[in-house]
């Protein structure tokens, strides 16, 4: 349900494989979310939920920001 013309996307959790690794090494992001983000190509995708993998990462046209501020 993410519109095609989205420039800034804010979700609770991350897309699969992008700033989504837990302290146990498990990837927990959404696979369908990842596919949709690659289709829409927002300028920014901001999320949290996975506290231990905070930071930012740019891939293609999108900057991904895990804005978690708490530690585990």
N, C-alpha and C. Protein backbone atom coordinates (compact mmCIF):
# COMPACT_ATOMS: atom_id res chain seq x y z
N UNK A 1 0.81 -1.20 0.00
CA UNK A 1 0.00 0.00 0.00
C UNK A 1 0.86 1.27 0.00
N UNK A 2 2.08 1.16 -0.45
CA UNK A 2 2.97 2.32 -0.54
C UNK A 2 2.77 2.95 -1.91
N UNK A 3 2.35 4.22 -1.95
CA UNK A 3 2.13 4.88 -3.24
C UNK A 3 3.41 4.96 -4.08
N UNK A 4 3.25 4.91 -5.38
CA UNK A 4 4.38 4.94 -6.31
C UNK A 4 5.19 6.24 -6.23
N UNK A 5 4.55 7.34 -5.84
CA UNK A 5 5.23 8.64 -5.83
C UNK A 5 5.76 9.03 -4.45
N UNK A 6 6.04 8.06 -3.60
CA UNK A 6 6.54 8.32 -2.25
C UNK A 6 8.01 8.74 -2.30
N UNK A 7 8.32 9.88 -1.68
CA UNK A 7 9.71 10.35 -1.58
C UNK A 7 10.34 9.99 -0.24
N UNK A 8 9.53 10.04 0.83
CA UNK A 8 10.00 9.71 2.17
C UNK A 8 9.07 8.65 2.74
N UNK A 9 9.63 7.49 3.01
CA UNK A 9 8.86 6.37 3.54
C UNK A 9 9.27 6.13 4.99
N UNK A 10 8.28 6.09 5.88
CA UNK A 10 8.53 5.81 7.29
C UNK A 10 7.75 4.56 7.66
N UNK A 11 8.48 3.54 8.14
CA UNK A 11 7.85 2.30 8.57
C UNK A 11 8.37 1.94 9.95
N UNK A 12 7.67 1.04 10.61
CA UNK A 12 8.12 0.60 11.93
C UNK A 12 9.39 -0.23 11.82
N UNK A 13 9.39 -1.19 10.90
CA UNK A 13 10.53 -2.09 10.76
C UNK A 13 11.27 -1.90 9.46
N UNK A 14 12.43 -2.52 9.34
CA UNK A 14 13.27 -2.39 8.15
C UNK A 14 12.91 -3.37 7.05
N UNK A 15 13.41 -3.11 5.85
CA UNK A 15 13.30 -4.10 4.78
C UNK A 15 14.33 -5.21 5.03
N UNK A 16 14.09 -6.36 4.47
CA UNK A 16 14.97 -7.50 4.67
C UNK A 16 16.39 -7.22 4.18
N UNK A 17 17.37 -7.50 5.03
CA UNK A 17 18.77 -7.39 4.65
C UNK A 17 19.38 -6.01 4.77
N UNK A 18 18.61 -5.03 5.21
CA UNK A 18 19.13 -3.66 5.30
C UNK A 18 18.94 -3.16 6.73
N UNK A 19 20.04 -3.07 7.45
CA UNK A 19 20.04 -2.58 8.84
C UNK A 19 19.01 -3.31 9.70
N UNK A 20 18.94 -4.63 9.50
CA UNK A 20 17.92 -5.43 10.19
C UNK A 20 18.50 -6.61 10.97
N UNK A 21 19.80 -6.58 11.24
CA UNK A 21 20.43 -7.72 11.90
C UNK A 21 20.38 -7.59 13.43
N UNK A 22 19.93 -8.66 14.09
CA UNK A 22 19.86 -8.68 15.55
C UNK A 22 21.22 -9.06 16.12
N UNK A 23 21.34 -8.98 17.44
CA UNK A 23 22.60 -9.37 18.10
C UNK A 23 22.88 -10.86 17.92
N UNK A 24 21.88 -11.62 17.53
CA UNK A 24 22.04 -13.05 17.30
C UNK A 24 22.38 -13.38 15.84
N UNK A 25 22.55 -12.34 15.01
CA UNK A 25 22.91 -12.53 13.62
C UNK A 25 21.74 -12.86 12.71
N UNK A 26 20.53 -12.74 13.22
CA UNK A 26 19.34 -13.05 12.44
C UNK A 26 18.85 -11.81 11.69
N UNK A 27 18.51 -11.96 10.42
CA UNK A 27 17.91 -10.89 9.62
C UNK A 27 16.41 -10.93 9.84
N UNK A 28 15.82 -9.80 10.18
CA UNK A 28 14.41 -9.79 10.58
C UNK A 28 13.54 -8.84 9.77
N UNK A 29 14.08 -8.21 8.76
CA UNK A 29 13.31 -7.26 7.96
C UNK A 29 12.28 -7.93 7.07
N UNK A 30 11.40 -7.10 6.52
CA UNK A 30 10.32 -7.59 5.67
C UNK A 30 10.75 -7.79 4.23
N UNK A 31 10.53 -8.99 3.71
CA UNK A 31 10.90 -9.27 2.32
C UNK A 31 9.99 -8.55 1.33
N UNK A 32 8.69 -8.51 1.59
CA UNK A 32 7.77 -7.79 0.71
C UNK A 32 8.04 -6.29 0.74
N UNK A 33 8.41 -5.79 1.91
CA UNK A 33 8.75 -4.37 2.04
C UNK A 33 9.96 -4.05 1.18
N UNK A 34 10.97 -4.90 1.21
CA UNK A 34 12.16 -4.69 0.40
C UNK A 34 11.81 -4.62 -1.09
N UNK A 35 11.00 -5.52 -1.56
CA UNK A 35 10.60 -5.52 -2.97
C UNK A 35 9.87 -4.24 -3.34
N UNK A 36 8.98 -3.80 -2.47
CA UNK A 36 8.21 -2.58 -2.77
C UNK A 36 9.11 -1.34 -2.74
N UNK A 37 10.03 -1.28 -1.80
CA UNK A 37 10.96 -0.15 -1.75
C UNK A 37 11.80 -0.09 -3.03
N UNK A 38 12.24 -1.23 -3.52
CA UNK A 38 13.01 -1.25 -4.77
C UNK A 38 12.16 -0.82 -5.97
N UNK A 39 10.86 -1.04 -5.91
CA UNK A 39 9.98 -0.59 -6.99
C UNK A 39 9.74 0.91 -6.92
N UNK A 40 9.44 1.41 -5.74
CA UNK A 40 9.07 2.82 -5.54
C UNK A 40 10.29 3.74 -5.58
N UNK A 41 11.40 3.30 -5.03
CA UNK A 41 12.65 4.07 -4.97
C UNK A 41 12.48 5.42 -4.27
N UNK A 42 12.03 5.40 -3.01
CA UNK A 42 11.93 6.68 -2.29
C UNK A 42 13.33 7.24 -2.03
N UNK A 43 13.41 8.53 -1.81
CA UNK A 43 14.70 9.15 -1.51
C UNK A 43 15.20 8.68 -0.15
N UNK A 44 14.27 8.53 0.80
CA UNK A 44 14.62 8.11 2.15
C UNK A 44 13.63 7.05 2.63
N UNK A 45 14.16 6.03 3.30
CA UNK A 45 13.33 5.07 4.00
C UNK A 45 13.82 5.07 5.44
N UNK A 46 12.95 5.53 6.35
CA UNK A 46 13.29 5.70 7.76
C UNK A 46 12.50 4.68 8.57
N UNK A 47 13.19 4.00 9.47
CA UNK A 47 12.54 2.97 10.28
C UNK A 47 13.31 2.80 11.58
N UNK A 48 12.86 1.88 12.41
CA UNK A 48 13.53 1.58 13.67
C UNK A 48 13.40 0.10 13.95
N UNK A 49 12.87 -0.22 15.10
CA UNK A 49 12.55 -1.58 15.56
C UNK A 49 13.77 -2.41 15.89
N UNK A 50 14.74 -2.55 15.02
CA UNK A 50 15.93 -3.34 15.31
C UNK A 50 16.99 -2.40 15.88
N UNK A 51 17.02 -2.31 17.19
CA UNK A 51 17.85 -1.32 17.88
C UNK A 51 19.34 -1.51 17.63
N UNK A 52 19.79 -2.76 17.57
CA UNK A 52 21.22 -3.02 17.50
C UNK A 52 21.85 -2.78 16.13
N UNK A 53 21.07 -2.52 15.11
CA UNK A 53 21.62 -2.29 13.76
C UNK A 53 21.31 -0.88 13.26
N UNK A 54 21.38 0.07 14.20
CA UNK A 54 21.07 1.46 13.84
C UNK A 54 22.14 2.04 12.92
N UNK A 55 21.79 3.08 12.22
CA UNK A 55 22.72 3.74 11.32
C UNK A 55 22.06 4.05 9.99
N UNK A 56 22.87 4.34 8.98
CA UNK A 56 22.32 4.65 7.66
C UNK A 56 23.13 3.93 6.58
N UNK A 57 22.48 3.79 5.43
CA UNK A 57 23.05 3.04 4.32
C UNK A 57 22.37 3.52 3.05
N UNK A 58 23.14 3.79 2.02
CA UNK A 58 22.55 4.22 0.74
C UNK A 58 22.77 3.12 -0.29
N UNK A 59 21.69 2.79 -0.98
CA UNK A 59 21.75 1.82 -2.07
C UNK A 59 20.92 2.38 -3.22
N UNK A 60 21.56 2.58 -4.34
CA UNK A 60 20.87 3.16 -5.48
C UNK A 60 20.40 4.57 -5.16
N UNK A 61 19.12 4.81 -5.35
CA UNK A 61 18.55 6.14 -5.14
C UNK A 61 18.00 6.33 -3.73
N UNK A 62 18.08 5.31 -2.88
CA UNK A 62 17.44 5.38 -1.57
C UNK A 62 18.47 5.35 -0.44
N UNK A 63 18.30 6.27 0.51
CA UNK A 63 19.06 6.25 1.75
C UNK A 63 18.18 5.62 2.81
N UNK A 64 18.66 4.54 3.39
CA UNK A 64 17.95 3.82 4.45
C UNK A 64 18.49 4.29 5.79
N UNK A 65 17.59 4.60 6.72
CA UNK A 65 18.01 5.10 8.03
C UNK A 65 17.29 4.31 9.11
N UNK A 66 18.08 3.55 9.89
CA UNK A 66 17.54 2.88 11.07
C UNK A 66 17.79 3.86 12.22
N UNK A 67 16.74 4.51 12.65
CA UNK A 67 16.83 5.62 13.58
C UNK A 67 16.62 5.19 15.03
N UNK A 68 16.84 3.93 15.34
CA UNK A 68 16.70 3.45 16.71
C UNK A 68 17.70 4.15 17.61
N UNK A 69 17.25 4.55 18.78
CA UNK A 69 18.14 5.25 19.71
C UNK A 69 18.35 4.50 21.01
N UNK A 70 17.73 3.32 21.14
CA UNK A 70 17.88 2.52 22.34
C UNK A 70 18.82 1.37 22.07
N UNK A 71 19.54 0.93 23.10
CA UNK A 71 20.31 -0.29 22.92
C UNK A 71 19.47 -1.48 23.36
N UNK A 72 20.01 -2.68 23.16
CA UNK A 72 19.22 -3.86 23.51
C UNK A 72 19.25 -4.09 25.00
